Amino acid sequence: MAEIFVRHLTRWQAENDREKFADMFVEAYAEVAGGEFRGREGFLERFAVRARQPGFDMVVASAATVPTGCAFGHPVDRDGDWWQDFDGEVPRRVDELTASGQVFEVADLMVLPQHLGKGIGRRLHDELLEDRDELLGVLVTDWQTPTGEDYDYSGWGWRPYGEVRAAAGQHPRRVWIRPLAREAEAVVEAALQTAGRPV
């Protein structure tokens, strides 16, 4: 197996290679027959918005210059809109961290199917979050993978926190949080005590 290299991209590099990442998205998430174009176009639209966010960061894994996976994210908006559809109470300290730009969202992480099980996803995850200035990480996932297994990021330090309310015809999505620095550990524990409480 070729050696896997993981590196950060500049915003310009990420936007310049957006078509490659859209192709990766379609393959990684195994779009249903007939849905490739819609899924690809949706990714490109979301990616264009993400890549323009202040603090955007992206890492890509490659084997002999061939991309095998990527991950990207950015600090959530300070106005608190990120939590607008959260189903439950958002603790004051989490609001304060959000308002001060101290919450970083992992927006996407994907690995091509033929490279799964090689630890690439974990390397991308760790490289994206290493030495971040933000204190708290957030992640939103579906409840289950396309094969029907529950997503579980607890082995990577994430804690399940609650749900994002679903739009009509869609399923709720799961919210995960984790401290990115020691001083945020107490914030996470306090937030977990309020998880599931109605607003």
N, C-alpha and C. Protein backbone atom coordinates (compact mmCIF):
# COMPACT_ATOMS: atom_id res chain seq x y z
N MET A 1 0.84 -1.19 0.00
CA MET A 1 0.00 0.00 0.00
C MET A 1 0.87 1.25 0.00
N ALA A 2 0.55 2.21 -0.85
CA ALA A 2 1.30 3.45 -0.92
C ALA A 2 1.16 4.21 0.40
N GLU A 3 2.21 4.93 0.78
CA GLU A 3 2.17 5.71 2.01
C GLU A 3 1.15 6.83 1.90
N ILE A 4 0.42 7.04 2.98
CA ILE A 4 -0.61 8.08 3.02
C ILE A 4 -0.02 9.35 3.61
N PHE A 5 -0.18 10.44 2.89
CA PHE A 5 0.27 11.75 3.37
C PHE A 5 -0.95 12.61 3.67
N VAL A 6 -0.91 13.34 4.78
CA VAL A 6 -2.00 14.24 5.17
C VAL A 6 -1.44 15.65 5.24
N ARG A 7 -2.11 16.61 4.57
CA ARG A 7 -1.63 17.97 4.56
C ARG A 7 -2.79 18.95 4.58
N HIS A 8 -2.51 20.16 5.06
CA HIS A 8 -3.49 21.23 5.06
C HIS A 8 -3.51 21.91 3.69
N LEU A 9 -4.67 22.40 3.30
CA LEU A 9 -4.82 23.17 2.08
C LEU A 9 -5.11 24.63 2.43
N THR A 10 -4.65 25.53 1.58
CA THR A 10 -5.08 26.91 1.71
C THR A 10 -6.52 27.02 1.20
N ARG A 11 -7.15 28.12 1.52
CA ARG A 11 -8.51 28.34 1.01
C ARG A 11 -8.52 28.31 -0.53
N TRP A 12 -7.51 28.92 -1.13
CA TRP A 12 -7.43 28.95 -2.59
C TRP A 12 -7.28 27.54 -3.15
N GLN A 13 -6.42 26.72 -2.55
CA GLN A 13 -6.25 25.35 -3.02
C GLN A 13 -7.54 24.55 -2.89
N ALA A 14 -8.24 24.73 -1.77
CA ALA A 14 -9.49 24.01 -1.54
C ALA A 14 -10.54 24.38 -2.59
N GLU A 15 -10.69 25.67 -2.82
CA GLU A 15 -11.69 26.10 -3.80
C GLU A 15 -11.29 25.70 -5.21
N ASN A 16 -10.00 25.71 -5.51
CA ASN A 16 -9.53 25.34 -6.84
C ASN A 16 -9.79 23.87 -7.14
N ASP A 17 -9.75 23.02 -6.10
CA ASP A 17 -9.95 21.58 -6.28
C ASP A 17 -11.35 21.13 -5.89
N ARG A 18 -12.29 22.05 -5.83
CA ARG A 18 -13.63 21.70 -5.34
C ARG A 18 -14.30 20.62 -6.19
N GLU A 19 -14.03 20.58 -7.49
CA GLU A 19 -14.65 19.55 -8.34
C GLU A 19 -14.14 18.16 -7.94
N LYS A 20 -12.87 18.05 -7.61
CA LYS A 20 -12.32 16.77 -7.15
C LYS A 20 -12.99 16.33 -5.85
N PHE A 21 -13.22 17.29 -4.96
CA PHE A 21 -13.84 16.93 -3.68
C PHE A 21 -15.31 16.56 -3.87
N ALA A 22 -15.97 17.18 -4.86
CA ALA A 22 -17.35 16.81 -5.16
C ALA A 22 -17.41 15.38 -5.68
N ASP A 23 -16.44 15.01 -6.53
CA ASP A 23 -16.38 13.63 -7.01
C ASP A 23 -16.15 12.67 -5.84
N MET A 24 -15.27 13.08 -4.92
CA MET A 24 -15.00 12.25 -3.75
C MET A 24 -16.24 12.08 -2.90
N PHE A 25 -17.01 13.17 -2.73
CA PHE A 25 -18.24 13.11 -1.95
C PHE A 25 -19.21 12.08 -2.51
N VAL A 26 -19.41 12.12 -3.82
CA VAL A 26 -20.35 11.18 -4.46
C VAL A 26 -19.91 9.75 -4.23
N GLU A 27 -18.60 9.49 -4.39
CA GLU A 27 -18.11 8.13 -4.22
C GLU A 27 -18.11 7.70 -2.76
N ALA A 28 -17.72 8.61 -1.88
CA ALA A 28 -17.63 8.26 -0.46
C ALA A 28 -18.99 7.97 0.15
N TYR A 29 -20.01 8.72 -0.25
CA TYR A 29 -21.33 8.55 0.34
C TYR A 29 -22.25 7.68 -0.49
N ALA A 30 -21.71 7.06 -1.55
CA ALA A 30 -22.45 6.08 -2.32
C ALA A 30 -23.86 6.54 -2.64
N GLU A 31 -23.96 7.63 -3.37
CA GLU A 31 -25.26 8.18 -3.73
C GLU A 31 -26.10 7.12 -4.43
N VAL A 32 -27.38 7.14 -4.17
CA VAL A 32 -28.29 6.18 -4.80
C VAL A 32 -28.37 6.45 -6.29
N ALA A 33 -28.72 5.43 -7.05
CA ALA A 33 -28.81 5.57 -8.50
C ALA A 33 -29.73 6.72 -8.87
N GLY A 34 -29.26 7.56 -9.77
CA GLY A 34 -30.06 8.70 -10.21
C GLY A 34 -29.89 9.93 -9.36
N GLY A 35 -29.22 9.81 -8.21
CA GLY A 35 -29.08 10.95 -7.32
C GLY A 35 -27.71 11.58 -7.35
N GLU A 36 -26.81 11.05 -8.23
CA GLU A 36 -25.44 11.54 -8.24
C GLU A 36 -25.36 13.03 -8.52
N PHE A 37 -26.06 13.50 -9.52
CA PHE A 37 -25.97 14.90 -9.89
C PHE A 37 -26.50 15.79 -8.78
N ARG A 38 -27.66 15.43 -8.24
CA ARG A 38 -28.25 16.24 -7.18
C ARG A 38 -27.34 16.28 -5.95
N GLY A 39 -26.79 15.13 -5.57
CA GLY A 39 -25.90 15.09 -4.42
C GLY A 39 -24.63 15.87 -4.66
N ARG A 40 -24.08 15.77 -5.86
CA ARG A 40 -22.85 16.46 -6.19
C ARG A 40 -23.07 17.98 -6.21
N GLU A 41 -24.14 18.41 -6.81
CA GLU A 41 -24.42 19.84 -6.86
C GLU A 41 -24.70 20.40 -5.47
N GLY A 42 -25.39 19.62 -4.65
CA GLY A 42 -25.65 20.06 -3.28
C GLY A 42 -24.36 20.22 -2.50
N PHE A 43 -23.42 19.28 -2.69
CA PHE A 43 -22.13 19.39 -2.01
C PHE A 43 -21.40 20.64 -2.45
N LEU A 44 -21.37 20.91 -3.77
CA LEU A 44 -20.66 22.08 -4.28
C LEU A 44 -21.24 23.37 -3.71
N GLU A 45 -22.55 23.43 -3.58
CA GLU A 45 -23.18 24.62 -3.02
C GLU A 45 -22.79 24.80 -1.56
N ARG A 46 -22.86 23.71 -0.79
CA ARG A 46 -22.49 23.79 0.62
C ARG A 46 -21.01 24.11 0.79
N PHE A 47 -20.19 23.50 -0.04
CA PHE A 47 -18.74 23.70 0.07
C PHE A 47 -18.36 25.15 -0.22
N ALA A 48 -19.03 25.74 -1.22
CA ALA A 48 -18.75 27.14 -1.56
C ALA A 48 -19.02 28.05 -0.37
N VAL A 49 -20.09 27.77 0.37
CA VAL A 49 -20.42 28.57 1.55
C VAL A 49 -19.40 28.32 2.66
N ARG A 50 -19.08 27.05 2.89
CA ARG A 50 -18.14 26.70 3.97
C ARG A 50 -16.77 27.32 3.72
N ALA A 51 -16.29 27.22 2.49
CA ALA A 51 -14.93 27.65 2.18
C ALA A 51 -14.73 29.14 2.35
N ARG A 52 -15.82 29.89 2.38
CA ARG A 52 -15.73 31.34 2.54
C ARG A 52 -15.89 31.78 3.99
N GLN A 53 -16.10 30.83 4.89
CA GLN A 53 -16.25 31.18 6.29
C GLN A 53 -14.90 31.58 6.89
N PRO A 54 -14.89 32.59 7.74
CA PRO A 54 -13.64 32.96 8.43
C PRO A 54 -13.10 31.76 9.22
N GLY A 55 -11.81 31.53 9.11
CA GLY A 55 -11.19 30.43 9.84
C GLY A 55 -11.33 29.08 9.19
N PHE A 56 -11.84 29.03 7.95
CA PHE A 56 -11.98 27.75 7.25
C PHE A 56 -10.65 27.02 7.19
N ASP A 57 -10.69 25.72 7.43
CA ASP A 57 -9.49 24.88 7.38
C ASP A 57 -9.85 23.56 6.73
N MET A 58 -8.90 23.01 5.96
CA MET A 58 -9.15 21.74 5.26
C MET A 58 -7.88 20.93 5.23
N VAL A 59 -8.05 19.61 5.42
CA VAL A 59 -6.93 18.69 5.29
C VAL A 59 -7.33 17.61 4.29
N VAL A 60 -6.34 17.13 3.54
CA VAL A 60 -6.59 16.10 2.55
C VAL A 60 -5.54 15.00 2.71
N ALA A 61 -5.99 13.75 2.54
CA ALA A 61 -5.09 12.60 2.57
C ALA A 61 -4.88 12.11 1.14
N SER A 62 -3.64 11.77 0.81
CA SER A 62 -3.32 11.33 -0.54
C SER A 62 -2.35 10.16 -0.48
N ALA A 63 -2.47 9.28 -1.48
CA ALA A 63 -1.53 8.19 -1.67
C ALA A 63 -0.93 8.37 -3.06
N ALA A 64 0.36 8.69 -3.11
CA ALA A 64 1.03 8.92 -4.38
C ALA A 64 0.28 9.95 -5.22
N THR A 65 -0.07 11.06 -4.61
CA THR A 65 -0.76 12.21 -5.22
C THR A 65 -2.23 11.96 -5.53
N VAL A 66 -2.72 10.76 -5.26
CA VAL A 66 -4.14 10.45 -5.50
C VAL A 66 -4.92 10.68 -4.21
N PRO A 67 -5.89 11.61 -4.18
CA PRO A 67 -6.65 11.87 -2.95
C PRO A 67 -7.41 10.63 -2.47
N THR A 68 -7.37 10.38 -1.16
CA THR A 68 -8.08 9.25 -0.57
C THR A 68 -9.14 9.68 0.43
N GLY A 69 -9.08 10.93 0.88
CA GLY A 69 -10.07 11.42 1.84
C GLY A 69 -9.79 12.87 2.18
N CYS A 70 -10.73 13.49 2.86
CA CYS A 70 -10.54 14.90 3.26
C CYS A 70 -11.45 15.21 4.45
N ALA A 71 -11.15 16.29 5.10
CA ALA A 71 -11.96 16.80 6.20
C ALA A 71 -11.83 18.31 6.21
N PHE A 72 -12.91 18.99 6.59
CA PHE A 72 -12.83 20.45 6.65
C PHE A 72 -13.83 20.98 7.67
N GLY A 73 -13.59 22.21 8.09
CA GLY A 73 -14.46 22.84 9.08
C GLY A 73 -14.10 24.30 9.26
N HIS A 74 -14.76 24.94 10.21
CA HIS A 74 -14.55 26.36 10.47
C HIS A 74 -15.23 26.73 11.79
N PRO A 75 -14.84 27.85 12.40
CA PRO A 75 -15.56 28.31 13.59
C PRO A 75 -17.02 28.63 13.24
N VAL A 76 -17.94 28.32 14.14
CA VAL A 76 -19.35 28.63 13.87
C VAL A 76 -19.56 30.13 14.03
N ASP A 77 -20.61 30.64 13.38
CA ASP A 77 -20.90 32.07 13.45
C ASP A 77 -21.11 32.50 14.90
N ARG A 78 -20.62 33.67 15.22
CA ARG A 78 -20.70 34.18 16.60
C ARG A 78 -22.12 34.58 17.00
N ASP A 79 -23.03 34.74 16.02
CA ASP A 79 -24.38 35.20 16.35
C ASP A 79 -25.26 34.12 16.96
N GLY A 80 -24.77 32.90 17.04
CA GLY A 80 -25.53 31.83 17.67
C GLY A 80 -26.51 31.12 16.77
N ASP A 81 -26.55 31.48 15.48
CA ASP A 81 -27.49 30.84 14.57
C ASP A 81 -27.26 29.34 14.44
N TRP A 82 -26.01 28.90 14.68
CA TRP A 82 -25.70 27.48 14.56
C TRP A 82 -26.59 26.64 15.49
N TRP A 83 -26.94 27.19 16.65
CA TRP A 83 -27.73 26.46 17.64
C TRP A 83 -29.23 26.67 17.47
N GLN A 84 -29.63 27.41 16.45
CA GLN A 84 -31.04 27.77 16.31
C GLN A 84 -31.96 26.57 16.23
N ASP A 85 -31.55 25.51 15.54
CA ASP A 85 -32.39 24.32 15.38
C ASP A 85 -32.06 23.21 16.36
N PHE A 86 -31.20 23.51 17.33
CA PHE A 86 -30.87 22.51 18.34
C PHE A 86 -32.09 22.24 19.21
N ASP A 87 -32.40 20.98 19.42
CA ASP A 87 -33.60 20.59 20.15
C ASP A 87 -33.27 20.44 21.64
N GLY A 88 -33.28 21.55 22.34
CA GLY A 88 -32.97 21.51 23.76
C GLY A 88 -32.33 22.80 24.22
N GLU A 89 -31.91 22.80 25.46
CA GLU A 89 -31.31 23.99 26.07
C GLU A 89 -29.84 24.08 25.72
N VAL A 90 -29.39 25.27 25.36
CA VAL A 90 -27.97 25.52 25.13
C VAL A 90 -27.43 26.27 26.34
N PRO A 91 -26.50 25.67 27.08
CA PRO A 91 -25.99 26.31 28.30
C PRO A 91 -25.38 27.69 28.03
N ARG A 92 -25.44 28.55 29.04
CA ARG A 92 -24.91 29.90 28.91
C ARG A 92 -23.44 29.89 28.51
N ARG A 93 -22.65 28.98 29.10
CA ARG A 93 -21.22 28.96 28.80
C ARG A 93 -20.97 28.58 27.34
N VAL A 94 -21.78 27.70 26.77
CA VAL A 94 -21.65 27.35 25.36
C VAL A 94 -22.01 28.55 24.49
N ASP A 95 -23.06 29.28 24.90
CA ASP A 95 -23.41 30.52 24.19
C ASP A 95 -22.24 31.50 24.22
N GLU A 96 -21.60 31.61 25.37
CA GLU A 96 -20.48 32.54 25.51
C GLU A 96 -19.31 32.13 24.62
N LEU A 97 -19.03 30.84 24.57
CA LEU A 97 -17.94 30.37 23.71
C LEU A 97 -18.27 30.61 22.24
N THR A 98 -19.53 30.41 21.88
CA THR A 98 -19.95 30.66 20.50
C THR A 98 -19.77 32.13 20.15
N ALA A 99 -20.23 33.01 21.03
CA ALA A 99 -20.16 34.46 20.78
C ALA A 99 -18.72 34.96 20.71
N SER A 100 -17.81 34.24 21.34
CA SER A 100 -16.41 34.67 21.34
C SER A 100 -15.59 33.95 20.28
N GLY A 101 -16.25 33.20 19.39
CA GLY A 101 -15.54 32.52 18.31
C GLY A 101 -14.74 31.32 18.74
N GLN A 102 -15.15 30.68 19.84
CA GLN A 102 -14.39 29.57 20.41
C GLN A 102 -15.01 28.20 20.14
N VAL A 103 -15.92 28.11 19.15
CA VAL A 103 -16.55 26.83 18.81
C VAL A 103 -16.23 26.51 17.35
N PHE A 104 -15.61 25.36 17.12
CA PHE A 104 -15.20 24.94 15.78
C PHE A 104 -16.05 23.76 15.33
N GLU A 105 -16.63 23.88 14.14
CA GLU A 105 -17.44 22.79 13.59
C GLU A 105 -16.64 21.96 12.59
N VAL A 106 -16.63 20.65 12.79
CA VAL A 106 -16.14 19.74 11.76
C VAL A 106 -17.30 19.55 10.79
N ALA A 107 -17.19 20.19 9.63
CA ALA A 107 -18.31 20.22 8.69
C ALA A 107 -18.45 18.94 7.90
N ASP A 108 -17.33 18.29 7.56
CA ASP A 108 -17.40 17.05 6.81
C ASP A 108 -16.09 16.30 6.95
N LEU A 109 -16.20 14.99 6.90
CA LEU A 109 -15.04 14.11 6.90
C LEU A 109 -15.41 12.92 6.04
N MET A 110 -14.63 12.65 5.01
CA MET A 110 -14.96 11.53 4.12
C MET A 110 -13.70 10.83 3.65
N VAL A 111 -13.84 9.51 3.47
CA VAL A 111 -12.77 8.66 2.99
C VAL A 111 -13.35 7.78 1.89
N LEU A 112 -12.62 7.64 0.80
CA LEU A 112 -13.09 6.81 -0.30
C LEU A 112 -13.27 5.37 0.17
N PRO A 113 -14.31 4.68 -0.30
CA PRO A 113 -14.63 3.33 0.20
C PRO A 113 -13.46 2.36 0.16
N GLN A 114 -12.65 2.40 -0.90
CA GLN A 114 -11.54 1.45 -1.02
C GLN A 114 -10.41 1.72 -0.03
N HIS A 115 -10.50 2.83 0.69
CA HIS A 115 -9.46 3.16 1.68
C HIS A 115 -9.98 3.15 3.11
N LEU A 116 -11.19 2.69 3.31
CA LEU A 116 -11.73 2.59 4.65
C LEU A 116 -11.00 1.51 5.44
N GLY A 117 -10.98 1.67 6.76
CA GLY A 117 -10.35 0.68 7.62
C GLY A 117 -8.84 0.79 7.71
N LYS A 118 -8.28 1.88 7.20
CA LYS A 118 -6.82 2.06 7.22
C LYS A 118 -6.39 3.18 8.17
N GLY A 119 -7.33 3.70 8.93
CA GLY A 119 -7.01 4.75 9.88
C GLY A 119 -6.90 6.14 9.26
N ILE A 120 -7.31 6.29 8.00
CA ILE A 120 -7.18 7.58 7.33
C ILE A 120 -8.14 8.60 7.92
N GLY A 121 -9.37 8.16 8.20
CA GLY A 121 -10.35 9.09 8.78
C GLY A 121 -9.86 9.67 10.09
N ARG A 122 -9.29 8.84 10.94
CA ARG A 122 -8.79 9.32 12.23
C ARG A 122 -7.62 10.28 12.04
N ARG A 123 -6.75 10.00 11.09
CA ARG A 123 -5.63 10.91 10.84
C ARG A 123 -6.13 12.27 10.35
N LEU A 124 -7.11 12.26 9.46
CA LEU A 124 -7.68 13.52 8.98
C LEU A 124 -8.32 14.29 10.13
N HIS A 125 -9.10 13.58 10.93
CA HIS A 125 -9.77 14.18 12.08
C HIS A 125 -8.77 14.82 13.03
N ASP A 126 -7.73 14.08 13.39
CA ASP A 126 -6.76 14.57 14.36
C ASP A 126 -5.97 15.75 13.80
N GLU A 127 -5.61 15.70 12.53
CA GLU A 127 -4.85 16.79 11.92
C GLU A 127 -5.68 18.06 11.85
N LEU A 128 -6.97 17.92 11.54
CA LEU A 128 -7.85 19.09 11.45
C LEU A 128 -7.99 19.78 12.81
N LEU A 129 -8.04 18.99 13.88
CA LEU A 129 -8.31 19.55 15.20
C LEU A 129 -7.05 19.84 16.02
N GLU A 130 -5.91 19.41 15.55
CA GLU A 130 -4.68 19.59 16.32
C GLU A 130 -4.31 21.07 16.41
N ASP A 131 -3.96 21.48 17.63
CA ASP A 131 -3.46 22.84 17.89
C ASP A 131 -4.44 23.94 17.48
N ARG A 132 -5.72 23.67 17.58
CA ARG A 132 -6.69 24.71 17.25
C ARG A 132 -6.74 25.74 18.38
N ASP A 133 -7.10 26.96 18.00
CA ASP A 133 -7.25 28.02 19.00
C ASP A 133 -8.60 27.93 19.71
N GLU A 134 -9.60 27.35 19.03
CA GLU A 134 -10.93 27.24 19.64
C GLU A 134 -10.91 26.23 20.80
N LEU A 135 -11.88 26.36 21.67
CA LEU A 135 -11.94 25.51 22.86
C LEU A 135 -12.91 24.34 22.74
N LEU A 136 -13.97 24.51 21.93
CA LEU A 136 -15.02 23.50 21.86
C LEU A 136 -15.24 23.07 20.42
N GLY A 137 -15.39 21.76 20.20
CA GLY A 137 -15.69 21.24 18.88
C GLY A 137 -17.12 20.76 18.80
N VAL A 138 -17.75 20.93 17.64
CA VAL A 138 -19.10 20.42 17.40
C VAL A 138 -19.11 19.68 16.07
N LEU A 139 -20.01 18.72 16.00
CA LEU A 139 -20.11 17.84 14.84
C LEU A 139 -21.56 17.40 14.72
N VAL A 140 -22.10 17.41 13.51
CA VAL A 140 -23.47 16.96 13.27
C VAL A 140 -23.42 15.80 12.29
N THR A 141 -24.09 14.69 12.64
CA THR A 141 -24.12 13.53 11.76
C THR A 141 -25.55 13.01 11.65
N ASP A 142 -25.77 12.18 10.63
CA ASP A 142 -26.98 11.38 10.62
C ASP A 142 -26.88 10.37 11.76
N TRP A 143 -28.01 9.78 12.11
CA TRP A 143 -27.98 8.78 13.18
C TRP A 143 -27.34 7.49 12.70
N GLN A 144 -27.52 7.15 11.43
CA GLN A 144 -27.00 5.89 10.92
C GLN A 144 -26.24 6.10 9.61
N THR A 145 -25.31 5.20 9.36
CA THR A 145 -24.56 5.20 8.11
C THR A 145 -25.48 4.68 7.01
N PRO A 146 -25.07 4.84 5.73
CA PRO A 146 -25.88 4.28 4.64
C PRO A 146 -26.11 2.78 4.75
N THR A 147 -25.23 2.06 5.49
CA THR A 147 -25.41 0.62 5.66
C THR A 147 -26.24 0.27 6.89
N GLY A 148 -26.75 1.28 7.61
CA GLY A 148 -27.65 1.03 8.73
C GLY A 148 -26.99 0.93 10.08
N GLU A 149 -25.68 1.18 10.16
CA GLU A 149 -24.99 1.15 11.44
C GLU A 149 -25.05 2.53 12.08
N ASP A 150 -25.07 2.55 13.42
CA ASP A 150 -25.08 3.83 14.13
C ASP A 150 -23.71 4.50 14.00
N TYR A 151 -23.74 5.79 13.68
CA TYR A 151 -22.50 6.56 13.73
C TYR A 151 -22.05 6.63 15.19
N ASP A 152 -20.77 6.44 15.43
CA ASP A 152 -20.25 6.51 16.79
C ASP A 152 -18.86 7.13 16.77
N TYR A 153 -18.76 8.36 17.28
CA TYR A 153 -17.49 9.06 17.33
C TYR A 153 -16.95 9.14 18.76
N SER A 154 -17.53 8.35 19.65
CA SER A 154 -17.09 8.42 21.05
C SER A 154 -15.64 7.98 21.20
N GLY A 155 -15.18 7.07 20.34
CA GLY A 155 -13.79 6.63 20.41
C GLY A 155 -12.80 7.70 20.00
N TRP A 156 -13.30 8.77 19.41
CA TRP A 156 -12.44 9.88 18.99
C TRP A 156 -12.61 11.08 19.92
N GLY A 157 -13.21 10.84 21.08
CA GLY A 157 -13.32 11.90 22.08
C GLY A 157 -14.59 12.71 22.03
N TRP A 158 -15.53 12.34 21.14
CA TRP A 158 -16.79 13.08 21.02
C TRP A 158 -17.83 12.50 21.96
N ARG A 159 -18.74 13.37 22.40
CA ARG A 159 -19.84 12.95 23.27
C ARG A 159 -21.17 13.30 22.60
N PRO A 160 -22.10 12.35 22.52
CA PRO A 160 -23.42 12.67 21.95
C PRO A 160 -24.14 13.68 22.81
N TYR A 161 -24.68 14.72 22.19
CA TYR A 161 -25.22 15.84 22.95
C TYR A 161 -26.72 16.06 22.74
N GLY A 162 -27.24 15.74 21.58
CA GLY A 162 -28.65 15.98 21.33
C GLY A 162 -28.96 15.89 19.85
N GLU A 163 -30.02 16.55 19.45
CA GLU A 163 -30.46 16.50 18.06
C GLU A 163 -30.66 17.89 17.48
N VAL A 164 -30.53 17.95 16.15
CA VAL A 164 -30.95 19.12 15.40
C VAL A 164 -32.34 18.82 14.85
N ARG A 165 -33.28 19.72 15.10
CA ARG A 165 -34.64 19.51 14.62
C ARG A 165 -34.66 19.39 13.10
N ALA A 166 -35.46 18.48 12.61
CA ALA A 166 -35.50 18.18 11.18
C ALA A 166 -36.54 19.02 10.46
N ALA A 167 -36.22 19.38 9.22
CA ALA A 167 -37.21 20.02 8.36
C ALA A 167 -38.24 18.98 7.93
N ALA A 168 -39.34 19.44 7.39
CA ALA A 168 -40.41 18.53 6.97
C ALA A 168 -39.86 17.50 5.99
N GLY A 169 -40.17 16.22 6.27
CA GLY A 169 -39.75 15.14 5.39
C GLY A 169 -38.34 14.65 5.61
N GLN A 170 -37.64 15.21 6.61
CA GLN A 170 -36.27 14.79 6.89
C GLN A 170 -36.17 14.21 8.29
N HIS A 171 -35.10 13.48 8.53
CA HIS A 171 -34.88 12.87 9.84
C HIS A 171 -34.03 13.80 10.72
N PRO A 172 -34.24 13.78 12.03
CA PRO A 172 -33.37 14.56 12.92
C PRO A 172 -31.92 14.11 12.77
N ARG A 173 -31.00 15.02 13.04
CA ARG A 173 -29.58 14.71 12.97
C ARG A 173 -28.96 14.83 14.36
N ARG A 174 -27.91 14.11 14.57
CA ARG A 174 -27.30 13.99 15.89
C ARG A 174 -26.18 15.01 16.07
N VAL A 175 -26.13 15.63 17.24
CA VAL A 175 -25.10 16.61 17.57
C VAL A 175 -24.10 15.98 18.55
N TRP A 176 -22.82 16.17 18.25
CA TRP A 176 -21.73 15.70 19.12
C TRP A 176 -20.90 16.91 19.55
N ILE A 177 -20.33 16.85 20.75
CA ILE A 177 -19.42 17.90 21.21
C ILE A 177 -18.18 17.25 21.83
N ARG A 178 -17.10 18.01 21.85
CA ARG A 178 -15.88 17.55 22.53
C ARG A 178 -15.01 18.75 22.86
N PRO A 179 -14.27 18.66 23.96
CA PRO A 179 -13.35 19.76 24.28
C PRO A 179 -12.15 19.71 23.35
N LEU A 180 -11.69 20.88 22.94
CA LEU A 180 -10.47 20.97 22.14
C LEU A 180 -9.30 21.44 22.97
N ALA A 181 -9.58 21.78 24.22
CA ALA A 181 -8.54 22.18 25.16
C ALA A 181 -9.01 21.79 26.56
N ARG A 182 -8.06 21.64 27.47
CA ARG A 182 -8.38 21.17 28.82
C ARG A 182 -9.40 22.08 29.51
N GLU A 183 -9.29 23.40 29.26
CA GLU A 183 -10.18 24.33 29.95
C GLU A 183 -11.63 24.20 29.51
N ALA A 184 -11.89 23.46 28.42
CA ALA A 184 -13.27 23.27 27.96
C ALA A 184 -13.89 21.98 28.47
N GLU A 185 -13.14 21.16 29.19
CA GLU A 185 -13.68 19.89 29.67
C GLU A 185 -14.87 20.09 30.60
N ALA A 186 -14.77 21.07 31.50
CA ALA A 186 -15.87 21.34 32.42
C ALA A 186 -17.10 21.86 31.67
N VAL A 187 -16.87 22.61 30.59
CA VAL A 187 -17.98 23.12 29.79
C VAL A 187 -18.75 21.96 29.17
N VAL A 188 -18.02 20.98 28.65
CA VAL A 188 -18.66 19.82 28.03
C VAL A 188 -19.46 19.03 29.07
N GLU A 189 -18.89 18.80 30.22
CA GLU A 189 -19.60 18.04 31.26
C GLU A 189 -20.87 18.76 31.69
N ALA A 190 -20.79 20.08 31.84
CA ALA A 190 -21.97 20.85 32.22
C ALA A 190 -23.02 20.82 31.12
N ALA A 191 -22.58 20.89 29.88
CA ALA A 191 -23.52 20.86 28.76
C ALA A 191 -24.23 19.52 28.68
N LEU A 192 -23.52 18.44 28.96
CA LEU A 192 -24.12 17.11 28.90
C LEU A 192 -25.20 16.94 29.98
N GLN A 193 -25.06 17.65 31.07
CA GLN A 193 -26.08 17.57 32.13
C GLN A 193 -27.39 18.20 31.71
N THR A 194 -27.33 19.11 30.76
CA THR A 194 -28.55 19.77 30.27
C THR A 194 -29.07 19.14 29.00
N ALA A 195 -28.34 18.19 28.43
CA ALA A 195 -28.74 17.60 27.15
C ALA A 195 -30.15 17.02 27.23
N GLY A 196 -30.95 17.35 26.24
CA GLY A 196 -32.31 16.82 26.19
C GLY A 196 -33.33 17.62 26.91
N ARG A 197 -32.91 18.63 27.68
CA ARG A 197 -33.89 19.47 28.36
C ARG A 197 -34.61 20.36 27.35
N PRO A 198 -35.91 20.50 27.45
CA PRO A 198 -36.60 21.42 26.52
C PRO A 198 -36.25 22.86 26.84
N VAL A 199 -36.32 23.72 25.82
CA VAL A 199 -36.05 25.14 26.01
C VAL A 199 -37.21 25.76 26.77
